[in-house]
Protein backbone atom coordinates (compact mmCIF):
# COMPACT_ATOMS: atom_id res chain seq x y z
CA UNK A 1 0.04 -0.09 0.06
CA UNK A 2 1.12 3.54 -0.76
CA UNK A 3 1.17 6.61 1.39
CA UNK A 4 -0.31 8.63 -1.39
CA UNK A 5 -3.74 8.30 -3.07
CA UNK A 6 -4.03 6.91 -6.52
CA UNK A 7 -4.27 9.51 -9.19
CA UNK A 8 -7.74 10.43 -10.65
CA UNK A 9 -9.07 8.22 -13.38
CA UNK A 10 -11.04 9.35 -16.43
CA UNK A 11 -14.75 8.80 -15.54
CA UNK A 12 -16.88 6.97 -15.63
CA UNK A 13 -15.62 4.10 -13.52
CA UNK A 14 -16.66 2.21 -10.42
CA UNK A 15 -15.54 2.36 -6.86
CA UNK A 16 -16.10 -0.42 -4.40
CA UNK A 17 -15.87 1.11 -0.81
CA UNK A 18 -15.28 -1.61 1.84
CA UNK A 19 -15.44 -0.29 5.41
CA UNK A 20 -14.52 -2.72 8.17
CA UNK A 21 -14.02 -3.30 11.97
CA UNK A 22 -11.90 -6.43 12.58
CA UNK A 23 -11.98 -8.91 15.34
CA UNK A 24 -9.16 -9.62 17.66
CA UNK A 25 -8.40 -12.89 15.93
CA UNK A 26 -6.50 -12.11 12.65
CA UNK A 27 -5.01 -15.52 12.13
CA UNK A 28 -4.44 -15.92 8.44
CA UNK A 29 -5.65 -12.47 7.47
CA UNK A 30 -2.41 -10.96 6.32
CA UNK A 31 -1.68 -13.86 3.97
CA UNK A 32 -5.22 -13.83 2.57
CA UNK A 33 -5.23 -10.16 2.14
CA UNK A 34 -1.90 -10.40 0.18
CA UNK A 35 -3.38 -13.07 -2.01
CA UNK A 36 -6.52 -10.99 -2.65
CA UNK A 37 -4.35 -8.05 -3.70
CA UNK A 38 -2.48 -10.40 -6.00
CA UNK A 39 -5.66 -11.82 -7.51
CA UNK A 40 -7.49 -8.47 -8.15
CA UNK A 41 -4.55 -7.18 -10.16
CA UNK A 42 -5.32 -9.93 -12.80
CA UNK A 43 -8.91 -8.64 -13.32
CA UNK A 44 -9.10 -6.87 -16.62
CA UNK A 45 -10.40 -3.31 -15.91
CA UNK A 46 -9.00 -3.19 -12.36
CA UNK A 47 -7.49 0.27 -11.76
CA UNK A 48 -6.08 0.10 -8.28
CA UNK A 49 -6.96 0.66 -4.60
CA UNK A 50 -6.57 2.98 -1.68
CA UNK A 51 -6.57 1.81 1.88
CA UNK A 52 -6.54 3.48 5.32
CA UNK A 53 -6.91 2.22 8.88
CA UNK A 54 -7.16 4.23 12.09
CA UNK A 55 -5.64 3.08 15.38
CA UNK A 56 -9.15 2.20 16.72
CA UNK A 57 -9.60 -0.47 14.02
CA UNK A 58 -11.85 1.09 11.39
CA UNK A 59 -10.45 0.27 7.99
CA UNK A 60 -11.55 1.60 4.57
CA UNK A 61 -10.43 0.05 1.31
CA UNK A 62 -11.58 1.58 -2.04
CA UNK A 63 -11.13 -0.57 -5.10
CA UNK A 64 -11.45 1.14 -8.42
CA UNK A 65 -12.71 -0.69 -11.65
CA UNK A 66 -13.05 0.49 -15.19
CA UNK A 67 -16.52 -0.92 -15.65
CA UNK A 68 -19.30 -3.01 -14.12
CA UNK A 69 -17.96 -6.14 -15.86
CA UNK A 70 -14.60 -5.81 -14.08
CA UNK A 71 -16.30 -5.36 -10.81
CA UNK A 72 -18.54 -8.46 -11.43
CA UNK A 73 -15.48 -10.57 -12.28
CA UNK A 74 -13.93 -9.62 -8.93
CA UNK A 75 -17.14 -10.14 -7.01
CA UNK A 76 -17.62 -13.56 -8.48
CA UNK A 77 -14.08 -14.89 -8.34
CA UNK A 78 -14.17 -18.17 -6.39
CA UNK A 79 -11.13 -17.52 -4.31
CA UNK A 80 -12.43 -14.06 -3.40
CA UNK A 81 -15.80 -15.54 -2.46
CA UNK A 82 -14.12 -18.01 -0.09
CA UNK A 83 -12.04 -15.11 1.53
CA UNK A 84 -15.32 -13.12 2.00
CA UNK A 85 -16.80 -16.12 3.89
CA UNK A 86 -13.72 -16.43 6.03
CA UNK A 87 -13.94 -12.69 6.77
CA UNK A 88 -17.50 -13.12 7.95
CA UNK A 89 -16.63 -16.21 9.99
CA UNK A 90 -13.33 -14.97 11.58
CA UNK A 91 -12.01 -11.57 10.84
CA UNK A 92 -14.70 -8.96 10.85
CA UNK A 93 -16.92 -7.70 13.63
CA UNK A 94 -18.77 -5.63 10.98
CA UNK A 95 -18.43 -4.36 7.52
CA UNK A 96 -20.27 -2.36 4.86
CA UNK A 97 -19.76 -2.46 1.06
CA UNK A 98 -20.84 0.48 -1.07
CA UNK A 99 -20.64 0.34 -4.90
CA UNK A 100 -20.58 3.67 -6.73
CA UNK A 101 -20.34 4.88 -10.30
CA UNK A 102 -17.86 7.63 -10.33
CA UNK A 103 -18.93 10.46 -12.70
CA UNK A 104 -16.46 13.11 -11.82
CA UNK A 105 -12.82 12.73 -10.66
CA UNK A 106 -9.94 15.10 -10.26
CA UNK A 107 -6.78 15.32 -8.12
CA UNK A 108 -4.11 17.74 -6.70
CA UNK A 109 -0.50 17.28 -5.89
CA UNK A 110 1.73 19.95 -4.39
CA UNK A 111 4.80 20.52 -6.51
């Protein structure tokens, strides 16, 4: 993960906003997370992701996808589905997922 946000993309595109609160038991989470990051890069139309977590445990990951088909490929990936189930069983106290179509996007970077 980077310490700077991804650049703005040319709209339209999709954002999957995944907000989580994790459990104390994180056995296997880091390995599975690394595998999911590896897998999603192979989805045609995947643009990248931003992630942040506060010390209190609230985490936000935003994945960016060129189109709805790319997002569908990720959503229906069998290994990703298994990781989702493991998350519900073991790693998350709660989560929300929001899918949004981005119609406007711009960025700023100090020179």
